[in-house]
N, C-alpha and C. Protein backbone atom coordinates (compact mmCIF):
# COMPACT_ATOMS: atom_id res chain seq x y z
N MET A 1 0.85 -1.17 0.00
CA MET A 1 0.00 0.00 0.00
C MET A 1 0.89 1.23 0.00
N SER A 2 0.66 2.12 -0.93
CA SER A 2 1.47 3.33 -1.01
C SER A 2 0.97 4.37 -0.02
N THR A 3 1.78 5.38 0.17
CA THR A 3 1.42 6.48 1.08
C THR A 3 0.17 7.18 0.57
N LEU A 4 0.06 7.28 -0.75
CA LEU A 4 -1.09 7.95 -1.36
C LEU A 4 -2.38 7.19 -1.06
N GLU A 5 -2.33 5.85 -1.12
CA GLU A 5 -3.51 5.05 -0.82
C GLU A 5 -3.94 5.23 0.63
N GLY A 6 -2.99 5.26 1.55
CA GLY A 6 -3.29 5.48 2.96
C GLY A 6 -3.93 6.83 3.17
N HIS A 7 -3.48 7.81 2.45
CA HIS A 7 -4.03 9.16 2.56
C HIS A 7 -5.48 9.19 2.06
N ASP A 8 -5.74 8.46 0.97
CA ASP A 8 -7.11 8.40 0.45
C ASP A 8 -8.06 7.79 1.47
N GLY A 9 -7.60 6.76 2.18
CA GLY A 9 -8.43 6.13 3.21
C GLY A 9 -8.73 7.10 4.33
N ALA A 10 -7.73 7.86 4.74
CA ALA A 10 -7.94 8.85 5.80
C ALA A 10 -8.87 9.95 5.30
N SER A 11 -8.70 10.33 4.05
CA SER A 11 -9.55 11.36 3.47
C SER A 11 -11.00 10.88 3.39
N ASP A 12 -11.19 9.61 3.01
CA ASP A 12 -12.54 9.04 2.96
C ASP A 12 -13.17 9.03 4.34
N SER A 13 -12.37 8.67 5.34
CA SER A 13 -12.86 8.64 6.71
C SER A 13 -13.26 10.04 7.16
N THR A 14 -12.43 11.01 6.85
CA THR A 14 -12.73 12.41 7.20
C THR A 14 -13.99 12.87 6.50
N THR A 15 -14.13 12.49 5.24
CA THR A 15 -15.32 12.87 4.47
C THR A 15 -16.57 12.27 5.09
N LYS A 16 -16.49 11.02 5.49
CA LYS A 16 -17.65 10.36 6.10
C LYS A 16 -18.02 11.03 7.42
N VAL A 17 -17.01 11.37 8.21
CA VAL A 17 -17.27 12.05 9.49
C VAL A 17 -17.90 13.41 9.23
N THR A 18 -17.37 14.11 8.23
CA THR A 18 -17.92 15.43 7.88
C THR A 18 -19.37 15.31 7.42
N ILE A 19 -19.65 14.32 6.62
CA ILE A 19 -21.02 14.11 6.14
C ILE A 19 -21.95 13.83 7.32
N GLU A 20 -21.49 12.99 8.25
CA GLU A 20 -22.32 12.69 9.43
C GLU A 20 -22.54 13.95 10.26
N ALA A 21 -21.50 14.75 10.42
CA ALA A 21 -21.64 15.99 11.19
C ALA A 21 -22.62 16.93 10.50
N LEU A 22 -22.57 16.99 9.18
CA LEU A 22 -23.50 17.85 8.44
C LEU A 22 -24.93 17.33 8.55
N LYS A 23 -25.10 16.01 8.53
CA LYS A 23 -26.43 15.44 8.70
C LYS A 23 -26.99 15.78 10.07
N GLU A 24 -26.13 15.71 11.08
CA GLU A 24 -26.57 16.05 12.44
C GLU A 24 -26.93 17.53 12.53
N ALA A 25 -26.12 18.36 11.90
CA ALA A 25 -26.40 19.80 11.91
C ALA A 25 -27.72 20.08 11.19
N LEU A 26 -27.98 19.37 10.09
CA LEU A 26 -29.24 19.53 9.37
C LEU A 26 -30.42 19.13 10.24
N ALA A 27 -30.26 18.06 11.00
CA ALA A 27 -31.33 17.63 11.91
C ALA A 27 -31.61 18.71 12.95
N VAL A 28 -30.55 19.33 13.45
CA VAL A 28 -30.71 20.40 14.44
C VAL A 28 -31.43 21.58 13.80
N ILE A 29 -31.06 21.92 12.58
CA ILE A 29 -31.72 23.03 11.88
C ILE A 29 -33.20 22.72 11.67
N ARG A 30 -33.50 21.50 11.32
CA ARG A 30 -34.91 21.12 11.14
C ARG A 30 -35.67 21.24 12.46
N ASN A 31 -35.03 20.84 13.56
CA ASN A 31 -35.66 21.00 14.87
C ASN A 31 -35.89 22.46 15.19
N CYS A 32 -34.92 23.29 14.84
CA CYS A 32 -35.07 24.74 15.06
C CYS A 32 -36.25 25.29 14.27
N CYS A 33 -36.37 24.85 13.04
CA CYS A 33 -37.49 25.31 12.20
C CYS A 33 -38.82 24.87 12.79
N ALA A 34 -38.88 23.64 13.27
CA ALA A 34 -40.11 23.15 13.88
C ALA A 34 -40.43 23.94 15.13
N LEU A 35 -39.41 24.22 15.93
CA LEU A 35 -39.62 25.01 17.14
C LEU A 35 -40.06 26.42 16.80
N GLU A 36 -39.46 27.00 15.77
CA GLU A 36 -39.85 28.35 15.35
C GLU A 36 -41.32 28.36 14.91
N LYS A 37 -41.73 27.34 14.19
CA LYS A 37 -43.12 27.24 13.74
C LYS A 37 -44.06 27.20 14.95
N ILE A 38 -43.69 26.40 15.95
CA ILE A 38 -44.52 26.29 17.15
C ILE A 38 -44.54 27.61 17.91
N LEU A 39 -43.38 28.27 17.98
CA LEU A 39 -43.33 29.56 18.67
C LEU A 39 -44.19 30.60 17.95
N MET A 40 -44.21 30.55 16.63
CA MET A 40 -45.06 31.48 15.87
C MET A 40 -46.54 31.21 16.17
N LYS A 41 -46.89 29.95 16.30
CA LYS A 41 -48.26 29.60 16.67
C LYS A 41 -48.56 30.12 18.06
N LYS A 42 -47.58 30.00 18.95
CA LYS A 42 -47.76 30.47 20.33
C LYS A 42 -48.01 31.97 20.35
N LYS A 43 -47.27 32.70 19.51
CA LYS A 43 -47.44 34.16 19.46
C LYS A 43 -48.85 34.54 19.01
N SER A 44 -49.43 33.70 18.17
CA SER A 44 -50.77 34.01 17.68
C SER A 44 -51.83 33.33 18.54
N LEU A 45 -51.46 33.02 19.78
CA LEU A 45 -52.38 32.37 20.72
C LEU A 45 -53.66 33.20 20.85
N ASN A 46 -54.75 32.54 20.64
CA ASN A 46 -56.04 33.23 20.77
C ASN A 46 -56.36 33.46 22.23
N SER A 47 -56.92 34.62 22.51
CA SER A 47 -57.30 34.90 23.89
C SER A 47 -58.45 34.00 24.34
N GLY A 48 -59.09 33.33 23.39
CA GLY A 48 -60.20 32.45 23.71
C GLY A 48 -59.76 31.07 24.18
N ASP A 49 -58.45 30.80 24.15
CA ASP A 49 -57.96 29.51 24.62
C ASP A 49 -58.21 29.36 26.11
N SER A 50 -58.61 28.18 26.47
CA SER A 50 -58.82 27.93 27.90
C SER A 50 -57.47 27.86 28.61
N PRO A 51 -57.45 28.09 29.90
CA PRO A 51 -56.18 27.99 30.64
C PRO A 51 -55.55 26.59 30.52
N GLU A 52 -56.38 25.57 30.43
CA GLU A 52 -55.86 24.21 30.29
C GLU A 52 -55.17 24.03 28.95
N LEU A 53 -55.80 24.52 27.88
CA LEU A 53 -55.22 24.41 26.54
C LEU A 53 -53.92 25.21 26.48
N HIS A 54 -53.94 26.40 27.04
CA HIS A 54 -52.74 27.23 27.06
C HIS A 54 -51.61 26.52 27.82
N SER A 55 -51.94 25.91 28.93
CA SER A 55 -50.95 25.19 29.73
C SER A 55 -50.36 24.02 28.94
N LEU A 56 -51.20 23.30 28.21
CA LEU A 56 -50.71 22.19 27.38
C LEU A 56 -49.75 22.69 26.31
N LYS A 57 -50.07 23.82 25.71
CA LYS A 57 -49.20 24.38 24.68
C LYS A 57 -47.86 24.80 25.27
N VAL A 58 -47.89 25.41 26.42
CA VAL A 58 -46.66 25.84 27.08
C VAL A 58 -45.81 24.63 27.44
N ASP A 59 -46.43 23.59 27.98
CA ASP A 59 -45.70 22.37 28.33
C ASP A 59 -45.05 21.75 27.09
N LYS A 60 -45.78 21.72 25.99
CA LYS A 60 -45.24 21.15 24.76
C LYS A 60 -44.03 21.96 24.28
N LEU A 61 -44.12 23.27 24.37
CA LEU A 61 -43.00 24.12 23.98
C LEU A 61 -41.78 23.90 24.87
N LYS A 62 -42.02 23.69 26.16
CA LYS A 62 -40.91 23.44 27.08
C LYS A 62 -40.20 22.14 26.71
N VAL A 63 -40.97 21.10 26.43
CA VAL A 63 -40.39 19.80 26.07
C VAL A 63 -39.60 19.93 24.76
N LEU A 64 -40.18 20.60 23.78
CA LEU A 64 -39.49 20.76 22.50
C LEU A 64 -38.22 21.59 22.66
N SER A 65 -38.29 22.61 23.47
CA SER A 65 -37.12 23.45 23.72
C SER A 65 -36.00 22.66 24.38
N GLU A 66 -36.34 21.86 25.38
CA GLU A 66 -35.34 21.03 26.06
C GLU A 66 -34.74 20.01 25.10
N SER A 67 -35.57 19.42 24.25
CA SER A 67 -35.10 18.45 23.28
C SER A 67 -34.16 19.10 22.28
N LEU A 68 -34.53 20.29 21.83
CA LEU A 68 -33.69 21.01 20.88
C LEU A 68 -32.35 21.37 21.51
N ALA A 69 -32.37 21.84 22.74
CA ALA A 69 -31.12 22.19 23.43
C ALA A 69 -30.22 20.97 23.57
N SER A 70 -30.82 19.83 23.90
CA SER A 70 -30.06 18.60 24.04
C SER A 70 -29.47 18.18 22.69
N SER A 71 -30.27 18.24 21.63
CA SER A 71 -29.79 17.88 20.29
C SER A 71 -28.66 18.79 19.85
N CYS A 72 -28.79 20.08 20.12
CA CYS A 72 -27.75 21.04 19.75
C CYS A 72 -26.45 20.72 20.48
N ALA A 73 -26.54 20.46 21.76
CA ALA A 73 -25.35 20.16 22.55
C ALA A 73 -24.67 18.89 22.04
N LYS A 74 -25.46 17.86 21.74
CA LYS A 74 -24.90 16.61 21.25
C LYS A 74 -24.24 16.81 19.88
N ALA A 75 -24.91 17.55 19.00
CA ALA A 75 -24.37 17.78 17.66
C ALA A 75 -23.07 18.59 17.74
N GLU A 76 -23.05 19.61 18.59
CA GLU A 76 -21.83 20.41 18.75
C GLU A 76 -20.69 19.53 19.27
N LYS A 77 -20.98 18.67 20.23
CA LYS A 77 -19.95 17.80 20.80
C LYS A 77 -19.42 16.85 19.73
N ARG A 78 -20.30 16.26 18.95
CA ARG A 78 -19.87 15.33 17.90
C ARG A 78 -19.03 16.05 16.86
N ILE A 79 -19.45 17.25 16.48
CA ILE A 79 -18.70 18.01 15.48
C ILE A 79 -17.31 18.33 16.02
N LEU A 80 -17.23 18.78 17.26
CA LEU A 80 -15.94 19.09 17.86
C LEU A 80 -15.08 17.84 18.01
N ASP A 81 -15.68 16.74 18.41
CA ASP A 81 -14.94 15.48 18.56
C ASP A 81 -14.35 15.02 17.24
N HIS A 82 -15.10 15.16 16.16
CA HIS A 82 -14.67 14.66 14.86
C HIS A 82 -13.82 15.66 14.10
N ARG A 83 -13.83 16.91 14.53
CA ARG A 83 -13.05 17.93 13.85
C ARG A 83 -11.57 17.65 13.95
N TYR A 84 -11.14 17.07 15.05
CA TYR A 84 -9.72 16.88 15.30
C TYR A 84 -9.25 15.46 15.03
N ILE A 85 -10.09 14.67 14.38
CA ILE A 85 -9.71 13.29 14.05
C ILE A 85 -8.90 13.28 12.77
């Protein structure tokens, strides 16, 4: 195996890691878009909503926000971990 072949293997590995990192980043962006859509709905909350319905909406937003924060943190960690490989 020549030095050039070994380099191609490393390059392929780096490319695969980069692709995975980009896929994860895309998933985070999609989550952000979904959260933004929900937040826009929240802003247009009708005053006719019952307190129970409003509470359910707020709870759902909290769960989505926590999930998004967790996904962002994991994606950032993976990107940083793979950046130096």
